[in-house]
Amino acid sequence: MLKKDYGIPKPASYGSFTVNFWDFGEGYKKEEKYDRRCFDDIKNNEKCIDKKLLFSVKRIKYNQVLFIIYNGRNYRLENNKIVKTTGK
């Protein structure tokens, strides 16, 4: 769906990409607090979210896909199956 609707991910010329998934929390907020992620395509004052990263999907060298969950767990894609690599 992300690829079809938004063209995401957009791999670099060498094939790697990262897609981050943020906790939307309480919704959009004003840009009054330091270290918020703001979206310039939103045309009102409430266009930012607090930076609380939930997980990332990365494709790195040799087309290895990693799923990084920011609670200490990491997974990778191997033979089309998700395999735990580190953490709890």
Protein backbone atom coordinates (compact mmCIF):
# COMPACT_ATOMS: atom_id res chain seq x y z
CA MET A 1 0.00 0.00 0.00
CA LEU A 2 2.81 2.45 0.83
CA LYS A 3 4.49 1.76 -2.49
CA LYS A 4 1.28 1.98 -4.48
CA ASP A 5 -0.26 5.03 -2.79
CA TYR A 6 2.84 7.07 -1.83
CA GLY A 7 5.80 5.70 -3.80
CA ILE A 8 7.47 4.58 -0.55
CA PRO A 9 10.10 3.27 -0.19
CA LYS A 10 12.31 5.14 -2.62
CA PRO A 11 15.53 3.12 -2.62
CA ALA A 12 18.88 4.83 -3.13
CA SER A 13 20.71 4.13 -6.38
CA TYR A 14 22.47 1.19 -4.68
CA GLY A 15 19.12 -0.26 -3.45
CA SER A 16 19.08 0.59 0.27
CA PHE A 17 16.18 2.33 1.99
CA THR A 18 14.77 3.11 5.44
CA VAL A 19 11.12 3.63 6.34
CA ASN A 20 10.41 4.91 9.87
CA PHE A 21 7.09 4.52 11.67
CA TRP A 22 6.39 7.17 14.31
CA ASP A 23 3.97 7.10 17.22
CA PHE A 24 1.28 9.58 16.19
CA GLY A 25 0.30 9.88 19.87
CA GLU A 26 -2.05 12.76 20.51
CA GLY A 27 -2.08 13.89 16.90
CA TYR A 28 -0.59 16.98 15.32
CA LYS A 29 0.81 19.73 17.54
CA LYS A 30 2.29 23.20 17.13
CA GLU A 31 5.99 23.61 16.45
CA GLU A 32 6.59 25.16 19.87
CA LYS A 33 8.58 22.30 21.41
CA TYR A 34 12.15 21.36 20.49
CA ASP A 35 12.68 18.15 18.57
CA ARG A 36 9.30 17.63 16.93
CA ARG A 37 8.95 16.22 13.44
CA CYS A 38 7.07 18.75 11.32
CA PHE A 39 5.47 18.28 7.91
CA ASP A 40 5.77 21.24 5.53
CA ASP A 41 2.96 20.02 3.29
CA ILE A 42 0.43 20.65 6.09
CA LYS A 43 -0.73 24.26 5.77
CA ASN A 44 -1.75 25.12 9.34
CA ASN A 45 -0.04 25.73 12.70
CA GLU A 46 -0.55 22.17 13.97
CA LYS A 47 1.71 20.21 11.65
CA CYS A 48 4.19 18.50 14.01
CA ILE A 49 4.38 15.29 16.02
CA ASP A 50 6.59 14.37 18.96
CA LYS A 51 9.55 12.25 17.88
CA LYS A 52 8.75 8.83 19.28
CA LEU A 53 10.02 6.22 16.84
CA LEU A 54 8.18 2.88 17.03
CA PHE A 55 9.96 0.82 14.40
CA SER A 56 11.92 0.96 11.16
CA VAL A 57 12.15 -1.19 8.06
CA LYS A 58 15.55 -1.07 6.37
CA ARG A 59 16.98 -2.74 3.33
CA ILE A 60 20.75 -2.80 3.52
CA LYS A 61 23.60 -4.52 1.70
CA TYR A 62 22.91 -7.72 -0.15
CA ASN A 63 19.18 -6.86 -0.11
CA GLN A 64 18.89 -7.87 3.54
CA VAL A 65 15.70 -6.48 5.09
CA LEU A 66 15.77 -5.55 8.80
CA PHE A 67 12.83 -4.77 11.06
CA ILE A 68 14.00 -2.71 14.04
CA ILE A 69 11.57 -2.35 16.93
CA TYR A 70 12.62 0.29 19.43
CA ASN A 71 12.00 -1.81 22.50
CA GLY A 72 15.21 -3.79 22.01
CA ARG A 73 14.04 -6.37 19.49
CA ASN A 74 15.37 -6.75 15.96
CA TYR A 75 14.25 -9.02 13.16
CA ARG A 76 15.38 -9.76 9.63
CA LEU A 77 13.74 -11.23 6.58
CA GLU A 78 15.18 -14.63 5.66
CA ASN A 79 13.59 -16.87 3.01
CA ASN A 80 10.44 -14.70 3.22
CA LYS A 81 10.13 -15.35 6.97
CA ILE A 82 10.78 -12.89 9.78
CA VAL A 83 13.57 -14.15 12.06
CA LYS A 84 14.47 -12.68 15.47
CA THR A 85 18.11 -11.56 15.58
CA THR A 86 18.68 -9.77 18.91
CA GLY A 87 16.97 -8.46 21.99
CA LYS A 88 14.39 -9.84 24.36
